[in-house]
PDB file of all heavy atoms in Angstrom:
ATOM      1  N   SER A   1      -5.367  -2.237 -18.386  1.00  0.00           N
ATOM      2  CA  SER A   1      -4.222  -3.087 -18.474  1.00  0.00           C
ATOM      3  C   SER A   1      -3.158  -2.152 -19.348  1.00  0.00           C
ATOM      4  O   SER A   1      -3.535  -1.279 -20.052  1.00  0.00           O
ATOM      5  CB  SER A   1      -4.435  -4.397 -19.135  1.00  0.00           C
ATOM      6  OG  SER A   1      -4.830  -4.214 -20.526  1.00  0.00           O
ATOM      7  N   VAL A   2      -1.931  -2.597 -19.231  1.00  0.00           N
ATOM      8  CA  VAL A   2      -0.859  -1.965 -19.969  1.00  0.00           C
ATOM      9  C   VAL A   2       0.122  -3.041 -20.512  1.00  0.00           C
ATOM     10  O   VAL A   2       0.403  -3.994 -19.751  1.00  0.00           O
ATOM     11  CB  VAL A   2      -0.155  -0.823 -19.127  1.00  0.00           C
ATOM     12  CG1 VAL A   2       0.566  -1.543 -17.946  1.00  0.00           C
ATOM     13  CG2 VAL A   2       0.902  -0.151 -20.005  1.00  0.00           C
ATOM     14  N   THR A   3       0.539  -2.937 -21.685  1.00  0.00           N
ATOM     15  CA  THR A   3       1.480  -3.804 -22.283  1.00  0.00           C
ATOM     16  C   THR A   3       2.827  -3.210 -22.277  1.00  0.00           C
ATOM     17  O   THR A   3       2.966  -2.128 -22.902  1.00  0.00           O
ATOM     18  CB  THR A   3       1.240  -4.400 -23.631  1.00  0.00           C
ATOM     19  OG1 THR A   3      -0.133  -4.994 -23.618  1.00  0.00           O
ATOM     20  CG2 THR A   3       2.176  -5.317 -24.189  1.00  0.00           C
ATOM     21  N   LEU A   4       3.830  -3.681 -21.618  1.00  0.00           N
ATOM     22  CA  LEU A   4       5.204  -3.249 -21.564  1.00  0.00           C
ATOM     23  C   LEU A   4       5.987  -3.944 -22.600  1.00  0.00           C
ATOM     24  O   LEU A   4       5.920  -5.137 -22.773  1.00  0.00           O
ATOM     25  CB  LEU A   4       5.836  -3.462 -20.237  1.00  0.00           C
ATOM     26  CG  LEU A   4       5.131  -2.987 -19.002  1.00  0.00           C
ATOM     27  CD1 LEU A   4       5.955  -3.386 -17.752  1.00  0.00           C
ATOM     28  CD2 LEU A   4       5.049  -1.441 -19.071  1.00  0.00           C
ATOM     29  N   THR A   5       6.531  -3.179 -23.487  1.00  0.00           N
ATOM     30  CA  THR A   5       7.258  -3.676 -24.642  1.00  0.00           C
ATOM     31  C   THR A   5       8.764  -3.296 -24.453  1.00  0.00           C
ATOM     32  O   THR A   5       9.125  -2.141 -24.471  1.00  0.00           O
ATOM     33  CB  THR A   5       6.763  -3.213 -26.003  1.00  0.00           C
ATOM     34  OG1 THR A   5       5.424  -3.549 -26.084  1.00  0.00           O
ATOM     35  CG2 THR A   5       7.644  -3.752 -27.201  1.00  0.00           C
ATOM     36  N   VAL A   6       9.670  -4.352 -24.266  1.00  0.00           N
ATOM     37  CA  VAL A   6      10.969  -4.110 -23.945  1.00  0.00           C
ATOM     38  C   VAL A   6      11.907  -4.686 -25.031  1.00  0.00           C
ATOM     39  O   VAL A   6      11.900  -5.900 -25.268  1.00  0.00           O
ATOM     40  CB  VAL A   6      11.526  -4.808 -22.548  1.00  0.00           C
ATOM     41  CG1 VAL A   6      12.971  -4.405 -22.234  1.00  0.00           C
ATOM     42  CG2 VAL A   6      10.536  -4.269 -21.440  1.00  0.00           C
ATOM     43  N   PRO A   7      12.609  -3.852 -25.869  1.00  0.00           N
ATOM     44  CA  PRO A   7      13.424  -4.308 -26.884  1.00  0.00           C
ATOM     45  C   PRO A   7      14.733  -5.012 -26.221  1.00  0.00           C
ATOM     46  O   PRO A   7      15.276  -4.396 -25.230  1.00  0.00           O
ATOM     47  CB  PRO A   7      13.846  -3.083 -27.637  1.00  0.00           C
ATOM     48  CG  PRO A   7      13.001  -1.923 -27.227  1.00  0.00           C
ATOM     49  CD  PRO A   7      12.441  -2.326 -25.859  1.00  0.00           C
ATOM     50  N   VAL A   8      14.999  -6.206 -26.744  1.00  0.00           N
ATOM     51  CA  VAL A   8      16.168  -6.840 -26.388  1.00  0.00           C
ATOM     52  C   VAL A   8      17.039  -7.201 -27.535  1.00  0.00           C
ATOM     53  O   VAL A   8      16.561  -7.715 -28.547  1.00  0.00           O
ATOM     54  CB  VAL A   8      15.784  -8.163 -25.546  1.00  0.00           C
ATOM     55  CG1 VAL A   8      16.934  -8.940 -25.070  1.00  0.00           C
ATOM     56  CG2 VAL A   8      14.792  -7.775 -24.423  1.00  0.00           C
ATOM     57  N   THR A   9      18.338  -7.031 -27.319  1.00  0.00           N
ATOM     58  CA  THR A   9      19.374  -7.583 -28.356  1.00  0.00           C
ATOM     59  C   THR A   9      20.394  -8.559 -27.780  1.00  0.00           C
ATOM     60  O   THR A   9      20.909  -8.165 -26.729  1.00  0.00           O
ATOM     61  CB  THR A   9      19.981  -6.343 -29.013  1.00  0.00           C
ATOM     62  OG1 THR A   9      19.053  -5.461 -29.601  1.00  0.00           O
ATOM     63  CG2 THR A   9      21.050  -6.675 -30.085  1.00  0.00           C
ATOM     64  N   ASN A  10      20.675  -9.587 -28.556  1.00  0.00           N
ATOM     65  CA  ASN A  10      21.736 -10.460 -28.116  1.00  0.00           C
ATOM     66  C   ASN A  10      23.083  -9.714 -28.645  1.00  0.00           C
ATOM     67  O   ASN A  10      23.259  -9.755 -29.889  1.00  0.00           O
ATOM     68  CB  ASN A  10      21.555 -11.818 -28.646  1.00  0.00           C
ATOM     69  CG  ASN A  10      22.666 -12.817 -28.222  1.00  0.00           C
ATOM     70  OD1 ASN A  10      23.738 -12.364 -27.770  1.00  0.00           O
ATOM     71  ND2 ASN A  10      22.371 -14.020 -28.391  1.00  0.00           N
ATOM     72  N   THR A  11      23.810  -9.251 -27.757  1.00  0.00           N
ATOM     73  CA  THR A  11      25.013  -8.557 -28.193  1.00  0.00           C
ATOM     74  C   THR A  11      26.221  -9.561 -28.141  1.00  0.00           C
ATOM     75  O   THR A  11      27.415  -9.123 -28.422  1.00  0.00           O
ATOM     76  CB  THR A  11      25.321  -7.344 -27.179  1.00  0.00           C
ATOM     77  OG1 THR A  11      25.376  -7.781 -25.924  1.00  0.00           O
ATOM     78  CG2 THR A  11      24.256  -6.288 -27.380  1.00  0.00           C
ATOM     79  N   GLY A  12      26.037 -10.838 -27.676  1.00  0.00           N
ATOM     80  CA  GLY A  12      27.035 -11.763 -27.614  1.00  0.00           C
ATOM     81  C   GLY A  12      27.318 -12.512 -28.932  1.00  0.00           C
ATOM     82  O   GLY A  12      26.711 -12.194 -29.989  1.00  0.00           O
ATOM     83  N   ASP A  13      28.255 -13.470 -28.864  1.00  0.00           N
ATOM     84  CA  ASP A  13      28.572 -14.248 -30.090  1.00  0.00           C
ATOM     85  C   ASP A  13      28.019 -15.655 -30.007  1.00  0.00           C
ATOM     86  O   ASP A  13      28.310 -16.491 -30.845  1.00  0.00           O
ATOM     87  CB  ASP A  13      30.077 -14.330 -30.247  1.00  0.00           C
ATOM     88  CG  ASP A  13      30.832 -14.808 -29.119  1.00  0.00           C
ATOM     89  OD1 ASP A  13      30.230 -15.224 -28.147  1.00  0.00           O
ATOM     90  OD2 ASP A  13      32.088 -14.788 -29.134  1.00  0.00           O
ATOM     91  N   ARG A  14      27.078 -15.962 -29.042  1.00  0.00           N
ATOM     92  CA  ARG A  14      26.471 -17.239 -28.956  1.00  0.00           C
ATOM     93  C   ARG A  14      24.933 -17.043 -28.877  1.00  0.00           C
ATOM     94  O   ARG A  14      24.451 -16.051 -28.393  1.00  0.00           O
ATOM     95  CB  ARG A  14      26.820 -17.934 -27.717  1.00  0.00           C
ATOM     96  CG  ARG A  14      28.254 -18.325 -27.685  1.00  0.00           C
ATOM     97  CD  ARG A  14      28.596 -19.166 -26.496  1.00  0.00           C
ATOM     98  NE  ARG A  14      29.974 -19.433 -26.501  1.00  0.00           N
ATOM     99  CZ  ARG A  14      30.557 -19.892 -25.386  1.00  0.00           C
ATOM    100  NH1 ARG A  14      29.993 -20.068 -24.256  1.00  0.00           N
ATOM    101  NH2 ARG A  14      31.887 -20.242 -25.482  1.00  0.00           N
ATOM    102  N   GLU A  15      24.175 -18.089 -29.365  1.00  0.00           N
ATOM    103  CA  GLU A  15      22.695 -18.112 -29.131  1.00  0.00           C
ATOM    104  C   GLU A  15      22.428 -18.191 -27.694  1.00  0.00           C
ATOM    105  O   GLU A  15      23.229 -18.757 -26.909  1.00  0.00           O
ATOM    106  CB  GLU A  15      22.174 -19.219 -29.836  1.00  0.00           C
ATOM    107  CG  GLU A  15      20.569 -19.260 -29.846  1.00  0.00           C
ATOM    108  CD  GLU A  15      19.914 -20.235 -30.708  1.00  0.00           C
ATOM    109  OE1 GLU A  15      20.703 -20.727 -31.671  1.00  0.00           O
ATOM    110  OE2 GLU A  15      18.856 -20.583 -30.496  1.00  0.00           O
ATOM    111  N   GLY A  16      21.401 -17.425 -27.158  1.00  0.00           N
ATOM    112  CA  GLY A  16      21.113 -17.485 -25.809  1.00  0.00           C
ATOM    113  C   GLY A  16      19.756 -17.131 -25.520  1.00  0.00           C
ATOM    114  O   GLY A  16      18.918 -16.692 -26.331  1.00  0.00           O
ATOM    115  N   THR A  17      19.283 -17.440 -24.275  1.00  0.00           N
ATOM    116  CA  THR A  17      17.934 -17.203 -23.822  1.00  0.00           C
ATOM    117  C   THR A  17      18.042 -16.083 -22.750  1.00  0.00           C
ATOM    118  O   THR A  17      18.781 -16.198 -21.767  1.00  0.00           O
ATOM    119  CB  THR A  17      17.211 -18.440 -23.307  1.00  0.00           C
ATOM    120  OG1 THR A  17      17.180 -19.363 -24.343  1.00  0.00           O
ATOM    121  CG2 THR A  17      15.860 -18.111 -22.708  1.00  0.00           C
ATOM    122  N   GLU A  18      17.193 -15.050 -22.841  1.00  0.00           N
ATOM    123  CA  GLU A  18      17.176 -14.012 -21.849  1.00  0.00           C
ATOM    124  C   GLU A  18      15.806 -13.899 -21.221  1.00  0.00           C
ATOM    125  O   GLU A  18      14.782 -14.118 -22.009  1.00  0.00           O
ATOM    126  CB  GLU A  18      17.502 -12.574 -22.485  1.00  0.00           C
ATOM    127  CG  GLU A  18      17.630 -11.462 -21.453  1.00  0.00           C
ATOM    128  CD  GLU A  18      18.713 -11.680 -20.534  1.00  0.00           C
ATOM    129  OE1 GLU A  18      19.870 -11.273 -20.808  1.00  0.00           O
ATOM    130  OE2 GLU A  18      18.492 -12.240 -19.415  1.00  0.00           O
ATOM    131  N   THR A  19      15.715 -13.744 -19.928  1.00  0.00           N
ATOM    132  CA  THR A  19      14.401 -13.482 -19.320  1.00  0.00           C
ATOM    133  C   THR A  19      14.283 -12.119 -18.850  1.00  0.00           C
ATOM    134  O   THR A  19      15.125 -11.630 -18.093  1.00  0.00           O
ATOM    135  CB  THR A  19      14.321 -14.492 -18.054  1.00  0.00           C
ATOM    136  OG1 THR A  19      14.394 -15.808 -18.525  1.00  0.00           O
ATOM    137  CG2 THR A  19      12.908 -14.299 -17.458  1.00  0.00           C
ATOM    138  N   ILE A  20      13.295 -11.310 -19.409  1.00  0.00           N
ATOM    139  CA  ILE A  20      13.006  -9.996 -18.952  1.00  0.00           C
ATOM    140  C   ILE A  20      11.982 -10.071 -17.832  1.00  0.00           C
ATOM    141  O   ILE A  20      10.953 -10.719 -17.947  1.00  0.00           O
ATOM    142  CB  ILE A  20      12.432  -9.176 -20.085  1.00  0.00           C
ATOM    143  CG1 ILE A  20      13.450  -9.077 -21.259  1.00  0.00           C
ATOM    144  CG2 ILE A  20      12.132  -7.771 -19.560  1.00  0.00           C
ATOM    145  CD1 ILE A  20      14.760  -8.468 -20.875  1.00  0.00           C
ATOM    146  N   GLN A  21      12.392  -9.461 -16.704  1.00  0.00           N
ATOM    147  CA  GLN A  21      11.507  -9.450 -15.514  1.00  0.00           C
ATOM    148  C   GLN A  21      10.980  -8.123 -15.249  1.00  0.00           C
ATOM    149  O   GLN A  21      11.610  -7.101 -15.454  1.00  0.00           O
ATOM    150  CB  GLN A  21      12.293  -9.954 -14.267  1.00  0.00           C
ATOM    151  CG  GLN A  21      12.943 -11.274 -14.596  1.00  0.00           C
ATOM    152  CD  GLN A  21      14.049 -11.645 -13.489  1.00  0.00           C
ATOM    153  OE1 GLN A  21      13.916 -11.183 -12.378  1.00  0.00           O
ATOM    154  NE2 GLN A  21      14.992 -12.391 -13.875  1.00  0.00           N
ATOM    155  N   VAL A  22       9.674  -8.062 -14.717  1.00  0.00           N
ATOM    156  CA  VAL A  22       9.066  -6.869 -14.472  1.00  0.00           C
ATOM    157  C   VAL A  22       8.668  -6.817 -12.899  1.00  0.00           C
ATOM    158  O   VAL A  22       7.952  -7.820 -12.528  1.00  0.00           O
ATOM    159  CB  VAL A  22       7.863  -6.515 -15.298  1.00  0.00           C
ATOM    160  CG1 VAL A  22       7.179  -5.327 -14.827  1.00  0.00           C
ATOM    161  CG2 VAL A  22       8.172  -6.422 -16.708  1.00  0.00           C
ATOM    162  N   TYR A  23       9.038  -5.838 -12.245  1.00  0.00           N
ATOM    163  CA  TYR A  23       8.674  -5.726 -10.759  1.00  0.00           C
ATOM    164  C   TYR A  23       8.058  -4.471 -10.578  1.00  0.00           C
ATOM    165  O   TYR A  23       8.150  -3.479 -11.235  1.00  0.00           O
ATOM    166  CB  TYR A  23       9.947  -5.626  -9.974  1.00  0.00           C
ATOM    167  CG  TYR A  23      10.918  -6.900 -10.018  1.00  0.00           C
ATOM    168  CD1 TYR A  23      11.839  -7.103 -11.031  1.00  0.00           C
ATOM    169  CD2 TYR A  23      10.721  -7.909  -9.129  1.00  0.00           C
ATOM    170  CE1 TYR A  23      12.436  -8.202 -11.148  1.00  0.00           C
ATOM    171  CE2 TYR A  23      11.472  -9.011  -9.176  1.00  0.00           C
ATOM    172  CZ  TYR A  23      12.323  -9.228 -10.195  1.00  0.00           C
ATOM    173  OH  TYR A  23      13.088 -10.421 -10.208  1.00  0.00           O
ATOM    174  N   VAL A  24       7.070  -4.543  -9.533  1.00  0.00           N
ATOM    175  CA  VAL A  24       6.266  -3.265  -9.203  1.00  0.00           C
ATOM    176  C   VAL A  24       6.572  -2.904  -7.746  1.00  0.00           C
ATOM    177  O   VAL A  24       6.672  -3.736  -6.843  1.00  0.00           O
ATOM    178  CB  VAL A  24       4.851  -3.644  -9.364  1.00  0.00           C
ATOM    179  CG1 VAL A  24       3.938  -2.494  -8.860  1.00  0.00           C
ATOM    180  CG2 VAL A  24       4.466  -3.834 -10.900  1.00  0.00           C
ATOM    181  N   LYS A  25       6.785  -1.560  -7.533  1.00  0.00           N
ATOM    182  CA  LYS A  25       6.951  -1.090  -6.137  1.00  0.00           C
ATOM    183  C   LYS A  25       5.876   0.007  -5.938  1.00  0.00           C
ATOM    184  O   LYS A  25       5.799   0.937  -6.736  1.00  0.00           O
ATOM    185  CB  LYS A  25       8.396  -0.480  -6.016  1.00  0.00           C
ATOM    186  CG  LYS A  25       8.599   0.183  -4.682  1.00  0.00           C
ATOM    187  CD  LYS A  25       9.964   0.829  -4.677  1.00  0.00           C
ATOM    188  CE  LYS A  25      10.082   1.511  -3.241  1.00  0.00           C
ATOM    189  NZ  LYS A  25      11.583   2.029  -3.164  1.00  0.00           N
ATOM    190  N   ALA A  26       4.999  -0.271  -4.894  1.00  0.00           N
ATOM    191  CA  ALA A  26       4.104   0.793  -4.545  1.00  0.00           C
ATOM    192  C   ALA A  26       4.727   1.926  -3.782  1.00  0.00           C
ATOM    193  O   ALA A  26       5.264   1.734  -2.759  1.00  0.00           O
ATOM    194  CB  ALA A  26       2.974   0.137  -3.704  1.00  0.00           C
ATOM    195  N   LEU A  27       4.631   3.141  -4.275  1.00  0.00           N
ATOM    196  CA  LEU A  27       5.290   4.339  -3.670  1.00  0.00           C
ATOM    197  C   LEU A  27       4.450   4.925  -2.583  1.00  0.00           C
ATOM    198  O   LEU A  27       4.938   5.650  -1.672  1.00  0.00           O
ATOM    199  CB  LEU A  27       5.662   5.335  -4.727  1.00  0.00           C
ATOM    200  CG  LEU A  27       6.595   4.878  -5.868  1.00  0.00           C
ATOM    201  CD1 LEU A  27       6.832   5.966  -6.866  1.00  0.00           C
ATOM    202  CD2 LEU A  27       7.966   4.468  -5.161  1.00  0.00           C
ATOM    203  N   ASP A  28       3.200   4.715  -2.560  1.00  0.00           N
ATOM    204  CA  ASP A  28       2.170   5.287  -1.614  1.00  0.00           C
ATOM    205  C   ASP A  28       1.785   4.361  -0.466  1.00  0.00           C
ATOM    206  O   ASP A  28       1.017   4.899   0.351  1.00  0.00           O
ATOM    207  CB  ASP A  28       0.910   5.795  -2.378  1.00  0.00           C
ATOM    208  CG  ASP A  28       1.165   6.910  -3.288  1.00  0.00           C
ATOM    209  OD1 ASP A  28       2.197   7.598  -3.197  1.00  0.00           O
ATOM    210  OD2 ASP A  28       0.538   7.039  -4.320  1.00  0.00           O
ATOM    211  N   TYR A  29       2.332   3.128  -0.496  1.00  0.00           N
ATOM    212  CA  TYR A  29       1.937   2.220   0.592  1.00  0.00           C
ATOM    213  C   TYR A  29       3.170   1.683   1.205  1.00  0.00           C
ATOM    214  O   TYR A  29       3.840   0.723   0.722  1.00  0.00           O
ATOM    215  CB  TYR A  29       1.045   1.080  -0.047  1.00  0.00           C
ATOM    216  CG  TYR A  29      -0.076   1.628  -0.715  1.00  0.00           C
ATOM    217  CD1 TYR A  29      -0.141   1.805  -2.092  1.00  0.00           C
ATOM    218  CD2 TYR A  29      -1.236   2.157  -0.083  1.00  0.00           C
ATOM    219  CE1 TYR A  29      -1.226   2.328  -2.802  1.00  0.00           C
ATOM    220  CE2 TYR A  29      -2.287   2.789  -0.614  1.00  0.00           C
ATOM    221  CZ  TYR A  29      -2.278   2.753  -2.069  1.00  0.00           C
ATOM    222  OH  TYR A  29      -3.353   3.309  -2.718  1.00  0.00           O
ATOM    223  N   ALA A  30       3.492   2.224   2.419  1.00  0.00           N
ATOM    224  CA  ALA A  30       4.808   1.858   3.182  1.00  0.00           C
ATOM    225  C   ALA A  30       4.728   0.251   3.501  1.00  0.00           C
ATOM    226  O   ALA A  30       5.816  -0.266   3.623  1.00  0.00           O
ATOM    227  CB  ALA A  30       4.856   2.669   4.444  1.00  0.00           C
ATOM    228  N   GLU A  31       3.543  -0.296   3.700  1.00  0.00           N
ATOM    229  CA  GLU A  31       3.531  -1.671   4.124  1.00  0.00           C
ATOM    230  C   GLU A  31       3.751  -2.618   2.781  1.00  0.00           C
ATOM    231  O   GLU A  31       3.840  -3.820   3.051  1.00  0.00           O
ATOM    232  CB  GLU A  31       2.164  -1.916   4.724  1.00  0.00           C
ATOM    233  CG  GLU A  31       0.966  -1.887   3.842  1.00  0.00           C
ATOM    234  CD  GLU A  31       0.406  -0.454   3.667  1.00  0.00           C
ATOM    235  OE1 GLU A  31       0.966   0.521   4.262  1.00  0.00           O
ATOM    236  OE2 GLU A  31      -0.613  -0.301   2.997  1.00  0.00           O
ATOM    237  N   ALA A  32       3.734  -2.226   1.589  1.00  0.00           N
ATOM    238  CA  ALA A  32       3.975  -3.001   0.446  1.00  0.00           C
ATOM    239  C   ALA A  32       5.367  -3.439   0.339  1.00  0.00           C
ATOM    240  O   ALA A  32       6.271  -2.773   0.926  1.00  0.00           O
ATOM    241  CB  ALA A  32       3.571  -2.179  -0.732  1.00  0.00           C
ATOM    242  N   PRO A  33       5.735  -4.559  -0.243  1.00  0.00           N
ATOM    243  CA  PRO A  33       6.987  -5.180  -0.364  1.00  0.00           C
ATOM    244  C   PRO A  33       7.874  -4.090  -1.171  1.00  0.00           C
ATOM    245  O   PRO A  33       7.346  -3.207  -1.928  1.00  0.00           O
ATOM    246  CB  PRO A  33       6.865  -6.404  -1.099  1.00  0.00           C
ATOM    247  CG  PRO A  33       5.461  -6.766  -0.997  1.00  0.00           C
ATOM    248  CD  PRO A  33       4.740  -5.541  -0.782  1.00  0.00           C
ATOM    249  N   ILE A  34       9.209  -4.222  -0.984  1.00  0.00           N
ATOM    250  CA  ILE A  34      10.124  -3.280  -1.730  1.00  0.00           C
ATOM    251  C   ILE A  34       9.924  -3.348  -3.282  1.00  0.00           C
ATOM    252  O   ILE A  34       9.886  -2.465  -3.890  1.00  0.00           O
ATOM    253  CB  ILE A  34      11.565  -3.570  -1.413  1.00  0.00           C
ATOM    254  CG1 ILE A  34      11.837  -3.372   0.077  1.00  0.00           C
ATOM    255  CG2 ILE A  34      12.596  -2.872  -2.306  1.00  0.00           C
ATOM    256  CD1 ILE A  34      13.194  -3.752   0.614  1.00  0.00           C
ATOM    257  N   LYS A  35       9.770  -4.590  -3.761  1.00  0.00           N
ATOM    258  CA  LYS A  35       9.333  -4.869  -5.115  1.00  0.00           C
ATOM    259  C   LYS A  35       8.807  -6.238  -5.229  1.00  0.00           C
ATOM    260  O   LYS A  35       9.350  -7.207  -4.625  1.00  0.00           O
ATOM    261  CB  LYS A  35      10.487  -4.577  -6.102  1.00  0.00           C
ATOM    262  CG  LYS A  35      11.795  -5.321  -5.966  1.00  0.00           C
ATOM    263  CD  LYS A  35      12.882  -4.866  -6.855  1.00  0.00           C
ATOM    264  CE  LYS A  35      14.281  -5.394  -6.377  1.00  0.00           C
ATOM    265  NZ  LYS A  35      15.281  -4.660  -6.842  1.00  0.00           N
ATOM    266  N   ASP A  36       7.855  -6.340  -6.173  1.00  0.00           N
ATOM    267  CA  ASP A  36       7.173  -7.637  -6.353  1.00  0.00           C
ATOM    268  C   ASP A  36       7.295  -8.020  -7.837  1.00  0.00           C
ATOM    269  O   ASP A  36       7.103  -7.125  -8.724  1.00  0.00           O
ATOM    270  CB  ASP A  36       5.647  -7.490  -6.146  1.00  0.00           C
ATOM    271  CG  ASP A  36       5.273  -7.568  -4.714  1.00  0.00           C
ATOM    272  OD1 ASP A  36       5.867  -8.188  -3.883  1.00  0.00           O
ATOM    273  OD2 ASP A  36       4.218  -6.960  -4.342  1.00  0.00           O
TER     274      ASP A  36
END
């Protein structure tokens, strides 16, 4: 397994919620979706 750690900063002037999304694209399998 691998843990991806993505730093996020609220650069705005209001409190907010951000959703960081992770997609995977298989480069060796043409039948795989563009990104999951």
